[in-house]
Amino acid sequence: MEAESQKAKELAILGILDENERPLSGADLEALLRDKGYELSERTIRLYLQRFDAEGLTESLGKQGRKITDKGRMRLDEQRLMHRVGYMSARIDQMTYTMDFDLPRRKGTVVINLAIIKKDDFLAYLPMVEQVFEKGYAMGTLVSLVGPGERIGAYVIPDGHIGFCTVCSVTLNGVFLKYGIPTRSLFSGLLQLEQGQAVRFVELISYDGTSIDPLQLFIRGKMTDYLGAIKNGNGRIGAGFREIPGESYQLAADLARQLQDIGLGAFLKIGRPSRDLLNVPVHEGCCGLIVIGGLNPVAVFEESGIPVSYNALAGYMEFNRLFHYSQMRERLGS
């Protein structure tokens, strides 16, 4: 714990130096660190800075103070990345607990993904996006569109663009939790499809070991094949793997049917307690679940070379703002 605390202090000092263009003295750093909740004396700060100077992470400018070096920025980026490992797993848990969708009343917020794309590009490739939904390779059948200037979570839609919102599969976790079913999100992967059927996972990334949503990495790396999937059923699509207690099997299946009926999606496959699912082992007494990736419809743009930015778990949206994917063209006035 002491070593972890020291790393956090080092990260805080380098971070403050990086945030400020002018050199900072020990007294400056002491005040700014106090604002961040760190109580360090000037003497202690000087000891850190002397070591940073020796390692080439900072440069002393005499009475003016210290400034961070390029090597220091590289160290800062490395340390921040290490602190973010497991970020996706924690983010999933946070959003699972805080979404408040009420299934019987069909009210409240669900978790969404967001893609930002030029309106003209979106309209041009909309038929392909619709096919992803038609083939059942998306999370449910509901979407939403937001216009320029509107905000979703931390993202604002720029002029000439639209925000394309899809249901995030973490919504399933949130609904299950409301009914007393704890869900462990283990990993995201690429599912190989043959004649429209999922046969095996070909790539896997654990949520505990990444700071970025794995499906974003697969899409960005052009490792998916949705164009093949919608053309002839042979391709690779994104999916997540979850575990739930075996005793919850029947209740989970019932809830999934209800969610599917209202367009929020369900799981692609559910395994029997303590049995492998698509050759993926599960813990004793647990059931495996395979859920479709909510970002899947966005992959057709990336595969087609169309500029698009996208973020999983982008924020929350009221259920009543979602509509069936077949209405997108009409709502865009085209």
C-alpha atoms as a PDB file:
ATOM      1  CA  MET A   1       0.000   0.000   0.000  1.00  0.00           C
ATOM      2  CA  GLU A   2       2.885   2.361   0.798  1.00  0.00           C
ATOM      3  CA  ALA A   3       4.433   1.786  -2.652  1.00  0.00           C
ATOM      4  CA  GLU A   4       1.033   2.386  -4.266  1.00  0.00           C
ATOM      5  CA  SER A   5       0.635   5.632  -2.295  1.00  0.00           C
ATOM      6  CA  GLN A   6       4.080   6.806  -3.405  1.00  0.00           C
ATOM      7  CA  LYS A   7       3.218   6.083  -7.044  1.00  0.00           C
ATOM      8  CA  ALA A   8       0.046   8.142  -6.686  1.00  0.00           C
ATOM      9  CA  LYS A   9       2.042  11.091  -5.291  1.00  0.00           C
ATOM     10  CA  GLU A  10       4.601  10.850  -8.094  1.00  0.00           C
ATOM     11  CA  LEU A  11       1.785  10.773 -10.614  1.00  0.00           C
ATOM     12  CA  ALA A  12       0.169  13.825  -8.982  1.00  0.00           C
ATOM     13  CA  ILE A  13       3.393  15.889  -9.061  1.00  0.00           C
ATOM     14  CA  LEU A  14       4.199  15.028 -12.680  1.00  0.00           C
ATOM     15  CA  GLY A  15       0.571  15.622 -13.632  1.00  0.00           C
ATOM     16  CA  ILE A  16       0.581  19.137 -12.125  1.00  0.00           C
ATOM     17  CA  LEU A  17       3.835  20.000 -13.903  1.00  0.00           C
ATOM     18  CA  ASP A  18       2.333  18.727 -17.165  1.00  0.00           C
ATOM     19  CA  GLU A  19      -0.842  20.797 -16.707  1.00  0.00           C
ATOM     20  CA  ASN A  20       1.090  24.048 -16.237  1.00  0.00           C
ATOM     21  CA  GLU A  21       3.076  25.721 -18.986  1.00  0.00           C
ATOM     22  CA  ARG A  22       5.215  27.802 -16.616  1.00  0.00           C
ATOM     23  CA  PRO A  23       7.850  26.317 -14.291  1.00  0.00           C
ATOM     24  CA  LEU A  24       6.616  25.609 -10.750  1.00  0.00           C
ATOM     25  CA  SER A  25       8.444  26.023  -7.444  1.00  0.00           C
ATOM     26  CA  GLY A  26       8.165  23.712  -4.460  1.00  0.00           C
ATOM     27  CA  ALA A  27       5.762  26.175  -2.818  1.00  0.00           C
ATOM     28  CA  ASP A  28       3.594  26.220  -5.970  1.00  0.00           C
ATOM     29  CA  LEU A  29       3.483  22.445  -6.017  1.00  0.00           C
ATOM     30  CA  GLU A  30       2.668  22.240  -2.314  1.00  0.00           C
ATOM     31  CA  ALA A  31      -0.404  24.465  -2.795  1.00  0.00           C
ATOM     32  CA  LEU A  32      -1.590  22.718  -5.945  1.00  0.00           C
ATOM     33  CA  LEU A  33      -1.098  19.273  -4.400  1.00  0.00           C
ATOM     34  CA  ARG A  34      -3.131  20.345  -1.371  1.00  0.00           C
ATOM     35  CA  ASP A  35      -5.982  21.217  -3.740  1.00  0.00           C
ATOM     36  CA  LYS A  36      -5.876  17.633  -4.984  1.00  0.00           C
ATOM     37  CA  GLY A  37      -5.953  16.241  -1.446  1.00  0.00           C
ATOM     38  CA  TYR A  38      -2.227  15.565  -0.966  1.00  0.00           C
ATOM     39  CA  GLU A  39      -0.550  16.985   2.155  1.00  0.00           C
ATOM     40  CA  LEU A  40       3.158  17.053   1.299  1.00  0.00           C
ATOM     41  CA  SER A  41       5.770  19.366   2.784  1.00  0.00           C
ATOM     42  CA  GLU A  42       8.070  21.418   0.567  1.00  0.00           C
ATOM     43  CA  ARG A  43      10.974  19.318   1.782  1.00  0.00           C
ATOM     44  CA  THR A  44       9.272  16.075   0.717  1.00  0.00           C
ATOM     45  CA  ILE A  45       8.396  17.604  -2.644  1.00  0.00           C
ATOM     46  CA  ARG A  46      12.028  18.672  -3.123  1.00  0.00           C
ATOM     47  CA  LEU A  47      13.151  15.067  -2.554  1.00  0.00           C
ATOM     48  CA  TYR A  48      10.752  13.847  -5.249  1.00  0.00           C
ATOM     49  CA  LEU A  49      11.942  16.574  -7.631  1.00  0.00           C
ATOM     50  CA  GLN A  50      15.617  15.804  -7.046  1.00  0.00           C
ATOM     51  CA  ARG A  51      14.968  12.185  -7.977  1.00  0.00           C
ATOM     52  CA  PHE A  52      12.939  13.264 -11.006  1.00  0.00           C
ATOM     53  CA  ASP A  53      15.836  15.514 -12.116  1.00  0.00           C
ATOM     54  CA  ALA A  54      18.290  12.635 -11.772  1.00  0.00           C
ATOM     55  CA  GLU A  55      16.025  10.396 -13.884  1.00  0.00           C
ATOM     56  CA  GLY A  56      15.529  13.098 -16.518  1.00  0.00           C
ATOM     57  CA  LEU A  57      11.805  13.409 -15.830  1.00  0.00           C
ATOM     58  CA  THR A  58      12.019  17.080 -14.815  1.00  0.00           C
ATOM     59  CA  GLU A  59      14.370  19.964 -15.503  1.00  0.00           C
ATOM     60  CA  SER A  60      15.436  22.562 -12.925  1.00  0.00           C
ATOM     61  CA  LEU A  61      15.336  26.197 -14.056  1.00  0.00           C
ATOM     62  CA  GLY A  62      16.844  27.543 -10.859  1.00  0.00           C
ATOM     63  CA  LYS A  63      14.676  29.966  -8.911  1.00  0.00           C
ATOM     64  CA  GLN A  64      11.914  29.759 -11.524  1.00  0.00           C
ATOM     65  CA  GLY A  65      11.220  26.171 -10.519  1.00  0.00           C
ATOM     66  CA  ARG A  66      10.847  22.907 -12.406  1.00  0.00           C
ATOM     67  CA  LYS A  67       9.240  21.899 -15.667  1.00  0.00           C
ATOM     68  CA  ILE A  68       8.430  18.432 -16.956  1.00  0.00           C
ATOM     69  CA  THR A  69      10.528  16.922 -19.781  1.00  0.00           C
ATOM     70  CA  ASP A  70       9.386  14.773 -22.720  1.00  0.00           C
ATOM     71  CA  LYS A  71      10.699  11.756 -20.841  1.00  0.00           C
ATOM     72  CA  GLY A  72       8.617  12.837 -17.863  1.00  0.00           C
ATOM     73  CA  ARG A  73       5.502  13.019 -20.030  1.00  0.00           C
ATOM     74  CA  MET A  74       6.181   9.521 -21.320  1.00  0.00           C
ATOM     75  CA  ARG A  75       6.516   8.241 -17.736  1.00  0.00           C
ATOM     76  CA  LEU A  76       3.291  10.053 -16.834  1.00  0.00           C
ATOM     77  CA  ASP A  77       1.415   8.426 -19.724  1.00  0.00           C
ATOM     78  CA  GLU A  78       2.749   4.995 -18.752  1.00  0.00           C
ATOM     79  CA  GLN A  79       1.724   5.425 -15.126  1.00  0.00           C
ATOM     80  CA  ARG A  80      -1.711   6.729 -16.042  1.00  0.00           C
ATOM     81  CA  LEU A  81      -2.238   3.731 -18.270  1.00  0.00           C
ATOM     82  CA  MET A  82      -1.312   1.353 -15.457  1.00  0.00           C
ATOM     83  CA  HIS A  83      -3.743   3.141 -13.157  1.00  0.00           C
ATOM     84  CA  ARG A  84      -6.443   2.703 -15.808  1.00  0.00           C
ATOM     85  CA  VAL A  85      -5.988  -1.054 -16.232  1.00  0.00           C
ATOM     86  CA  GLY A  86      -9.274  -2.536 -15.137  1.00  0.00           C
ATOM     87  CA  TYR A  87     -11.024   0.758 -15.882  1.00  0.00           C
ATOM     88  CA  MET A  88     -13.570  -0.928 -18.184  1.00  0.00           C
ATOM     89  CA  SER A  89     -14.527  -3.468 -15.548  1.00  0.00           C
ATOM     90  CA  ALA A  90     -15.054  -0.710 -12.959  1.00  0.00           C
ATOM     91  CA  ARG A  91     -16.985   1.415 -15.473  1.00  0.00           C
ATOM     92  CA  ILE A  92     -19.301  -1.493 -16.253  1.00  0.00           C
ATOM     93  CA  ASP A  93     -19.994  -2.020 -12.542  1.00  0.00           C
ATOM     94  CA  GLN A  94     -20.637   1.689 -11.987  1.00  0.00           C
ATOM     95  CA  MET A  95     -23.123   2.005 -14.836  1.00  0.00           C
ATOM     96  CA  THR A  96     -24.817  -1.268 -13.908  1.00  0.00           C
ATOM     97  CA  TYR A  97     -25.577   0.102 -10.450  1.00  0.00           C
ATOM     98  CA  THR A  98     -26.639   3.597 -11.506  1.00  0.00           C
ATOM     99  CA  MET A  99     -28.983   2.949 -14.469  1.00  0.00           C
ATOM    100  CA  ASP A 100     -32.556   2.919 -13.217  1.00  0.00           C
ATOM    101  CA  PHE A 101     -34.665   1.260 -15.929  1.00  0.00           C
ATOM    102  CA  ASP A 102     -37.891  -0.240 -14.568  1.00  0.00           C
ATOM    103  CA  LEU A 103     -38.827  -3.213 -16.764  1.00  0.00           C
ATOM    104  CA  PRO A 104     -42.520  -3.610 -15.787  1.00  0.00           C
ATOM    105  CA  ARG A 105     -43.199   0.122 -16.197  1.00  0.00           C
ATOM    106  CA  ARG A 106     -40.853   0.530 -19.183  1.00  0.00           C
ATOM    107  CA  LYS A 107     -39.479   3.713 -17.683  1.00  0.00           C
ATOM    108  CA  GLY A 108     -36.100   5.034 -16.617  1.00  0.00           C
ATOM    109  CA  THR A 109     -32.601   5.160 -18.053  1.00  0.00           C
ATOM    110  CA  VAL A 110     -30.655   2.585 -20.019  1.00  0.00           C
ATOM    111  CA  VAL A 111     -26.939   2.562 -20.880  1.00  0.00           C
ATOM    112  CA  ILE A 112     -26.087   3.586 -24.432  1.00  0.00           C
ATOM    113  CA  ASN A 113     -23.166   3.649 -26.844  1.00  0.00           C
ATOM    114  CA  LEU A 114     -22.559   6.654 -29.078  1.00  0.00           C
ATOM    115  CA  ALA A 115     -21.170   7.004 -32.599  1.00  0.00           C
ATOM    116  CA  ILE A 116     -20.585  10.455 -34.114  1.00  0.00           C
ATOM    117  CA  ILE A 117     -20.617  10.611 -37.895  1.00  0.00           C
ATOM    118  CA  LYS A 118     -21.343  13.039 -40.715  1.00  0.00           C
ATOM    119  CA  LYS A 119     -25.042  13.000 -41.534  1.00  0.00           C
ATOM    120  CA  ASP A 120     -24.479  12.412 -45.265  1.00  0.00           C
ATOM    121  CA  ASP A 121     -22.197   9.426 -44.586  1.00  0.00           C
ATOM    122  CA  PHE A 122     -24.708   7.980 -42.154  1.00  0.00           C
ATOM    123  CA  LEU A 123     -27.530   8.207 -44.708  1.00  0.00           C
ATOM    124  CA  ALA A 124     -25.374   6.674 -47.443  1.00  0.00           C
ATOM    125  CA  TYR A 125     -24.569   3.590 -45.347  1.00  0.00           C
ATOM    126  CA  LEU A 126     -27.868   3.375 -43.483  1.00  0.00           C
ATOM    127  CA  PRO A 127     -29.068   0.326 -45.505  1.00  0.00           C
ATOM    128  CA  MET A 128     -26.072  -1.658 -44.231  1.00  0.00           C
ATOM    129  CA  VAL A 129     -26.697  -0.512 -40.663  1.00  0.00           C
ATOM    130  CA  GLU A 130     -30.306  -1.650 -40.988  1.00  0.00           C
ATOM    131  CA  GLN A 131     -29.144  -5.067 -42.204  1.00  0.00           C
ATOM    132  CA  VAL A 132     -27.053  -5.526 -39.048  1.00  0.00           C
ATOM    133  CA  PHE A 133     -30.259  -5.094 -37.043  1.00  0.00           C
ATOM    134  CA  GLU A 134     -32.349  -7.227 -39.423  1.00  0.00           C
ATOM    135  CA  LYS A 135     -29.900 -10.126 -39.156  1.00  0.00           C
ATOM    136  CA  GLY A 136     -29.979  -9.971 -35.342  1.00  0.00           C
ATOM    137  CA  TYR A 137     -26.335  -8.906 -34.993  1.00  0.00           C
ATOM    138  CA  ALA A 138     -27.183  -5.823 -32.913  1.00  0.00           C
ATOM    139  CA  MET A 139     -28.203  -5.443 -29.267  1.00  0.00           C
ATOM    140  CA  GLY A 140     -31.978  -5.284 -29.659  1.00  0.00           C
ATOM    141  CA  THR A 141     -33.875  -3.163 -32.180  1.00  0.00           C
ATOM    142  CA  LEU A 142     -33.974   0.264 -30.505  1.00  0.00           C
ATOM    143  CA  VAL A 143     -31.815   3.294 -31.322  1.00  0.00           C
ATOM    144  CA  SER A 144     -31.826   7.054 -30.988  1.00  0.00           C
ATOM    145  CA  LEU A 145     -30.440   9.965 -32.981  1.00  0.00           C
ATOM    146  CA  VAL A 146     -29.189  13.262 -31.566  1.00  0.00           C
ATOM    147  CA  GLY A 147     -28.378  16.395 -33.521  1.00  0.00           C
ATOM    148  CA  PRO A 148     -25.630  19.022 -33.570  1.00  0.00           C
ATOM    149  CA  GLY A 149     -25.128  20.807 -30.270  1.00  0.00           C
ATOM    150  CA  GLU A 150     -26.805  18.075 -28.239  1.00  0.00           C
ATOM    151  CA  ARG A 151     -24.860  16.373 -25.460  1.00  0.00           C
ATOM    152  CA  ILE A 152     -24.675  12.696 -24.513  1.00  0.00           C
ATOM    153  CA  GLY A 153     -22.610  12.176 -21.380  1.00  0.00           C
ATOM    154  CA  ALA A 154     -19.329  14.015 -21.980  1.00  0.00           C
ATOM    155  CA  TYR A 155     -19.795  14.215 -25.767  1.00  0.00           C
ATOM    156  CA  VAL A 156     -21.259  17.099 -27.796  1.00  0.00           C
ATOM    157  CA  ILE A 157     -22.362  16.494 -31.394  1.00  0.00           C
ATOM    158  CA  PRO A 158     -20.547  18.873 -33.811  1.00  0.00           C
ATOM    159  CA  ASP A 159     -22.138  20.715 -36.736  1.00  0.00           C
ATOM    160  CA  GLY A 160     -22.896  18.606 -39.787  1.00  0.00           C
ATOM    161  CA  HIS A 161     -22.867  15.409 -37.751  1.00  0.00           C
ATOM    162  CA  ILE A 162     -25.357  13.213 -35.953  1.00  0.00           C
ATOM    163  CA  GLY A 163     -25.067  11.122 -32.835  1.00  0.00           C
ATOM    164  CA  PHE A 164     -26.128   7.519 -33.431  1.00  0.00           C
ATOM    165  CA  CYS A 165     -27.073   5.897 -30.112  1.00  0.00           C
ATOM    166  CA  THR A 166     -27.376   2.138 -29.631  1.00  0.00           C
ATOM    167  CA  VAL A 167     -28.306   0.123 -26.557  1.00  0.00           C
ATOM    168  CA  CYS A 168     -25.257  -1.036 -24.601  1.00  0.00           C
ATOM    169  CA  SER A 169     -25.274  -4.651 -23.467  1.00  0.00           C
ATOM    170  CA  VAL A 170     -24.500  -3.453 -19.919  1.00  0.00           C
ATOM    171  CA  THR A 171     -28.224  -2.578 -19.775  1.00  0.00           C
ATOM    172  CA  LEU A 172     -28.807  -6.319 -19.427  1.00  0.00           C
ATOM    173  CA  ASN A 173     -26.555  -6.374 -16.334  1.00  0.00           C
ATOM    174  CA  GLY A 174     -28.506  -3.489 -14.802  1.00  0.00           C
ATOM    175  CA  VAL A 175     -31.904  -5.119 -15.297  1.00  0.00           C
ATOM    176  CA  PHE A 176     -30.668  -8.438 -13.929  1.00  0.00           C
ATOM    177  CA  LEU A 177     -29.291  -6.689 -10.842  1.00  0.00           C
ATOM    178  CA  LYS A 178     -32.708  -5.163 -10.117  1.00  0.00           C
ATOM    179  CA  TYR A 179     -34.023  -8.730  -9.903  1.00  0.00           C
ATOM    180  CA  GLY A 180     -31.213  -9.942  -7.649  1.00  0.00           C
ATOM    181  CA  ILE A 181     -29.060 -11.551 -10.324  1.00  0.00           C
ATOM    182  CA  PRO A 182     -25.396 -10.490 -10.080  1.00  0.00           C
ATOM    183  CA  THR A 183     -23.679 -10.518 -13.473  1.00  0.00           C
ATOM    184  CA  ARG A 184     -19.926 -10.810 -13.970  1.00  0.00           C
ATOM    185  CA  SER A 185     -18.729  -9.271 -17.237  1.00  0.00           C
ATOM    186  CA  LEU A 186     -15.644 -11.333 -18.020  1.00  0.00           C
ATOM    187  CA  PHE A 187     -14.500 -10.453 -21.516  1.00  0.00           C
ATOM    188  CA  SER A 188     -15.395  -9.198 -24.960  1.00  0.00           C
ATOM    189  CA  GLY A 189     -14.455 -11.068 -28.079  1.00  0.00           C
ATOM    190  CA  LEU A 190     -15.011 -11.740 -31.750  1.00  0.00           C
ATOM    191  CA  LEU A 191     -17.483 -14.473 -32.643  1.00  0.00           C
ATOM    192  CA  GLN A 192     -16.927 -16.432 -35.821  1.00  0.00           C
ATOM    193  CA  LEU A 193     -20.167 -16.887 -37.754  1.00  0.00           C
ATOM    194  CA  GLU A 194     -20.743 -19.662 -40.240  1.00  0.00           C
ATOM    195  CA  GLN A 195     -24.005 -19.578 -42.189  1.00  0.00           C
ATOM    196  CA  GLY A 196     -25.396 -17.148 -39.635  1.00  0.00           C
ATOM    197  CA  GLN A 197     -24.573 -19.306 -36.608  1.00  0.00           C
ATOM    198  CA  ALA A 198     -22.031 -18.491 -33.883  1.00  0.00           C
ATOM    199  CA  VAL A 199     -19.482 -21.305 -33.786  1.00  0.00           C
ATOM    200  CA  ARG A 200     -16.514 -20.072 -31.740  1.00  0.00           C
ATOM    201  CA  PHE A 201     -14.699 -17.095 -30.239  1.00  0.00           C
ATOM    202  CA  VAL A 202     -11.597 -16.226 -32.261  1.00  0.00           C
ATOM    203  CA  GLU A 203     -10.328 -13.306 -30.124  1.00  0.00           C
ATOM    204  CA  LEU A 204     -10.818 -12.463 -26.434  1.00  0.00           C
ATOM    205  CA  ILE A 205      -9.886  -9.482 -24.236  1.00  0.00           C
ATOM    206  CA  SER A 206     -10.628  -9.430 -20.504  1.00  0.00           C
ATOM    207  CA  TYR A 207     -12.440  -6.354 -19.175  1.00  0.00           C
ATOM    208  CA  ASP A 208     -10.159  -6.471 -16.107  1.00  0.00           C
ATOM    209  CA  GLY A 209      -7.057  -5.956 -18.203  1.00  0.00           C
ATOM    210  CA  THR A 210      -8.002  -3.047 -20.419  1.00  0.00           C
ATOM    211  CA  SER A 211      -8.630   0.672 -20.211  1.00  0.00           C
ATOM    212  CA  ILE A 212     -10.609   0.742 -23.493  1.00  0.00           C
ATOM    213  CA  ASP A 213     -13.705  -1.182 -24.510  1.00  0.00           C
ATOM    214  CA  PRO A 214     -12.401  -4.295 -26.334  1.00  0.00           C
ATOM    215  CA  LEU A 215     -15.024  -4.067 -29.069  1.00  0.00           C
ATOM    216  CA  GLN A 216     -13.788  -0.562 -29.919  1.00  0.00           C
ATOM    217  CA  LEU A 217     -10.311  -2.057 -30.364  1.00  0.00           C
ATOM    218  CA  PHE A 218     -11.605  -4.852 -32.593  1.00  0.00           C
ATOM    219  CA  ILE A 219     -13.598  -2.423 -34.761  1.00  0.00           C
ATOM    220  CA  ARG A 220     -10.795   0.141 -34.970  1.00  0.00           C
ATOM    221  CA  GLY A 221      -8.328  -2.604 -35.872  1.00  0.00           C
ATOM    222  CA  LYS A 222     -10.643  -3.774 -38.683  1.00  0.00           C
ATOM    223  CA  MET A 223     -10.742  -7.253 -37.155  1.00  0.00           C
ATOM    224  CA  THR A 224     -14.519  -7.520 -37.539  1.00  0.00           C
ATOM    225  CA  ASP A 225     -16.311  -8.727 -40.671  1.00  0.00           C
ATOM    226  CA  TYR A 226     -19.862  -7.439 -40.572  1.00  0.00           C
ATOM    227  CA  LEU A 227     -19.953  -6.935 -44.317  1.00  0.00           C
ATOM    228  CA  GLY A 228     -19.481 -10.682 -44.697  1.00  0.00           C
ATOM    229  CA  ALA A 229     -21.933 -11.407 -41.892  1.00  0.00           C
ATOM    230  CA  ILE A 230     -24.762  -9.405 -43.461  1.00  0.00           C
ATOM    231  CA  LYS A 231     -23.960 -10.636 -46.983  1.00  0.00           C
ATOM    232  CA  ASN A 232     -23.889 -14.402 -46.481  1.00  0.00           C
ATOM    233  CA  GLY A 233     -23.817 -15.115 -42.726  1.00  0.00           C
ATOM    234  CA  ASN A 234     -20.068 -15.802 -42.697  1.00  0.00           C
ATOM    235  CA  GLY A 235     -18.083 -13.233 -40.733  1.00  0.00           C
ATOM    236  CA  ARG A 236     -16.919 -12.030 -37.335  1.00  0.00           C
ATOM    237  CA  ILE A 237     -19.030  -9.963 -34.935  1.00  0.00           C
ATOM    238  CA  GLY A 238     -18.467  -8.539 -31.456  1.00  0.00           C
ATOM    239  CA  ALA A 239     -19.931 -10.187 -28.377  1.00  0.00           C
ATOM    240  CA  GLY A 240     -19.464 -10.157 -24.621  1.00  0.00           C
ATOM    241  CA  PHE A 241     -19.215 -13.103 -22.247  1.00  0.00           C
ATOM    242  CA  ARG A 242     -20.940 -12.945 -18.854  1.00  0.00           C
ATOM    243  CA  GLU A 243     -21.512 -15.274 -15.930  1.00  0.00           C
ATOM    244  CA  ILE A 244     -24.513 -15.478 -13.616  1.00  0.00           C
ATOM    245  CA  PRO A 245     -25.286 -17.875 -10.735  1.00  0.00           C
ATOM    246  CA  GLY A 246     -26.682 -21.183 -11.975  1.00  0.00           C
ATOM    247  CA  GLU A 247     -29.746 -20.809  -9.742  1.00  0.00           C
ATOM    248  CA  SER A 248     -30.710 -17.739 -11.795  1.00  0.00           C
ATOM    249  CA  TYR A 249     -30.952 -19.626 -15.092  1.00  0.00           C
ATOM    250  CA  GLN A 250     -34.744 -19.645 -15.443  1.00  0.00           C
ATOM    251  CA  LEU A 251     -35.297 -16.110 -14.140  1.00  0.00           C
ATOM    252  CA  ALA A 252     -32.565 -14.790 -16.444  1.00  0.00           C
ATOM    253  CA  ALA A 253     -34.149 -16.537 -19.435  1.00  0.00           C
ATOM    254  CA  ASP A 254     -37.568 -15.050 -18.561  1.00  0.00           C
ATOM    255  CA  LEU A 255     -36.152 -11.531 -18.151  1.00  0.00           C
ATOM    256  CA  ALA A 256     -34.245 -11.836 -21.426  1.00  0.00           C
ATOM    257  CA  ARG A 257     -37.467 -12.695 -23.264  1.00  0.00           C
ATOM    258  CA  GLN A 258     -39.180  -9.631 -21.780  1.00  0.00           C
ATOM    259  CA  LEU A 259     -36.258  -7.394 -22.746  1.00  0.00           C
ATOM    260  CA  GLN A 260     -36.233  -8.789 -26.262  1.00  0.00           C
ATOM    261  CA  ASP A 261     -39.982  -8.210 -26.608  1.00  0.00           C
ATOM    262  CA  ILE A 262     -39.555  -4.467 -25.947  1.00  0.00           C
ATOM    263  CA  GLY A 263     -36.501  -4.102 -28.187  1.00  0.00           C
ATOM    264  CA  LEU A 264     -33.676  -3.875 -25.639  1.00  0.00           C
ATOM    265  CA  GLY A 265     -32.065  -7.128 -26.726  1.00  0.00           C
ATOM    266  CA  ALA A 266     -31.171 -10.259 -24.846  1.00  0.00           C
ATOM    267  CA  PHE A 267     -28.392 -12.817 -25.015  1.00  0.00           C
ATOM    268  CA  LEU A 268     -27.327 -14.696 -28.078  1.00  0.00           C
ATOM    269  CA  LYS A 269     -26.787 -17.882 -26.105  1.00  0.00           C
ATOM    270  CA  ILE A 270     -27.179 -19.035 -22.497  1.00  0.00           C
ATOM    271  CA  GLY A 271     -25.375 -22.077 -21.172  1.00  0.00           C
ATOM    272  CA  ARG A 272     -26.551 -24.573 -18.609  1.00  0.00           C
ATOM    273  CA  PRO A 273     -25.024 -24.372 -15.102  1.00  0.00           C
ATOM    274  CA  SER A 274     -21.382 -25.477 -14.922  1.00  0.00           C
ATOM    275  CA  ARG A 275     -21.228 -26.262 -18.644  1.00  0.00           C
ATOM    276  CA  ASP A 276     -18.883 -24.757 -21.224  1.00  0.00           C
ATOM    277  CA  LEU A 277     -20.439 -22.380 -23.721  1.00  0.00           C
ATOM    278  CA  LEU A 278     -18.908 -22.345 -27.212  1.00  0.00           C
ATOM    279  CA  ASN A 279     -15.889 -24.060 -25.690  1.00  0.00           C
ATOM    280  CA  VAL A 280     -15.452 -21.300 -23.109  1.00  0.00           C
ATOM    281  CA  PRO A 281     -15.266 -22.772 -19.568  1.00  0.00           C
ATOM    282  CA  VAL A 282     -17.367 -21.249 -16.788  1.00  0.00           C
ATOM    283  CA  HIS A 283     -16.932 -21.350 -13.026  1.00  0.00           C
ATOM    284  CA  GLU A 284     -18.571 -24.187 -11.125  1.00  0.00           C
ATOM    285  CA  GLY A 285     -22.203 -23.417 -10.368  1.00  0.00           C
ATOM    286  CA  CYS A 286     -22.397 -20.584 -12.926  1.00  0.00           C
ATOM    287  CA  CYS A 287     -24.078 -20.135 -16.295  1.00  0.00           C
ATOM    288  CA  GLY A 288     -22.334 -18.543 -19.233  1.00  0.00           C
ATOM    289  CA  LEU A 289     -24.075 -15.842 -21.281  1.00  0.00           C
ATOM    290  CA  ILE A 290     -23.073 -14.537 -24.700  1.00  0.00           C
ATOM    291  CA  VAL A 291     -24.453 -11.073 -25.455  1.00  0.00           C
ATOM    292  CA  ILE A 292     -24.279  -9.177 -28.729  1.00  0.00           C
ATOM    293  CA  GLY A 293     -22.014  -6.120 -28.708  1.00  0.00           C
ATOM    294  CA  GLY A 294     -23.965  -2.864 -28.667  1.00  0.00           C
ATOM    295  CA  LEU A 295     -21.435  -1.122 -30.946  1.00  0.00           C
ATOM    296  CA  ASN A 296     -21.820  -3.723 -33.694  1.00  0.00           C
ATOM    297  CA  PRO A 297     -23.841  -1.574 -36.149  1.00  0.00           C
ATOM    298  CA  VAL A 298     -21.052   1.038 -36.150  1.00  0.00           C
ATOM    299  CA  ALA A 299     -18.522  -1.434 -37.563  1.00  0.00           C
ATOM    300  CA  VAL A 300     -19.937  -1.177 -41.098  1.00  0.00           C
ATOM    301  CA  PHE A 301     -18.644   2.422 -41.297  1.00  0.00           C
ATOM    302  CA  GLU A 302     -15.146   1.481 -40.141  1.00  0.00           C
ATOM    303  CA  GLU A 303     -15.009  -1.499 -42.502  1.00  0.00           C
ATOM    304  CA  SER A 304     -16.123   0.761 -45.366  1.00  0.00           C
ATOM    305  CA  GLY A 305     -13.458   3.395 -44.608  1.00  0.00           C
ATOM    306  CA  ILE A 306     -15.920   6.038 -43.422  1.00  0.00           C
ATOM    307  CA  PRO A 307     -14.659   8.390 -40.649  1.00  0.00           C
ATOM    308  CA  VAL A 308     -16.591   7.776 -37.440  1.00  0.00           C
ATOM    309  CA  SER A 309     -15.831   8.174 -33.745  1.00  0.00           C
ATOM    310  CA  TYR A 310     -17.501   5.882 -31.246  1.00  0.00           C
ATOM    311  CA  ASN A 311     -17.592   5.229 -27.538  1.00  0.00           C
ATOM    312  CA  ALA A 312     -19.052   2.366 -25.549  1.00  0.00           C
ATOM    313  CA  LEU A 313     -20.843   3.168 -22.278  1.00  0.00           C
ATOM    314  CA  ALA A 314     -21.124   6.780 -23.419  1.00  0.00           C
ATOM    315  CA  GLY A 315     -23.935   7.663 -21.015  1.00  0.00           C
ATOM    316  CA  TYR A 316     -27.554   7.127 -20.078  1.00  0.00           C
ATOM    317  CA  MET A 317     -30.748   7.779 -22.013  1.00  0.00           C
ATOM    318  CA  GLU A 318     -34.400   7.691 -21.068  1.00  0.00           C
ATOM    319  CA  PHE A 319     -36.081   4.630 -22.529  1.00  0.00           C
ATOM    320  CA  ASN A 320     -38.829   6.744 -24.079  1.00  0.00           C
ATOM    321  CA  ARG A 321     -36.258   8.495 -26.322  1.00  0.00           C
ATOM    322  CA  LEU A 322     -35.465   5.220 -28.093  1.00  0.00           C
ATOM    323  CA  PHE A 323     -37.284   4.094 -31.230  1.00  0.00           C
ATOM    324  CA  HIS A 324     -37.235   1.207 -33.722  1.00  0.00           C
ATOM    325  CA  TYR A 325     -34.262   1.256 -36.097  1.00  0.00           C
ATOM    326  CA  SER A 326     -36.584   1.228 -39.151  1.00  0.00           C
ATOM    327  CA  GLN A 327     -37.634   4.812 -38.315  1.00  0.00           C
ATOM    328  CA  MET A 328     -34.155   6.352 -38.661  1.00  0.00           C
ATOM    329  CA  ARG A 329     -34.466   7.527 -42.255  1.00  0.00           C
ATOM    330  CA  GLU A 330     -37.851   9.105 -41.581  1.00  0.00           C
ATOM    331  CA  ARG A 331     -36.588  10.891 -38.483  1.00  0.00           C
ATOM    332  CA  LEU A 332     -33.641  12.247 -40.421  1.00  0.00           C
ATOM    333  CA  GLY A 333     -36.070  13.761 -42.924  1.00  0.00           C
ATOM    334  CA  SER A 334     -34.779  11.733 -45.830  1.00  0.00           C
END
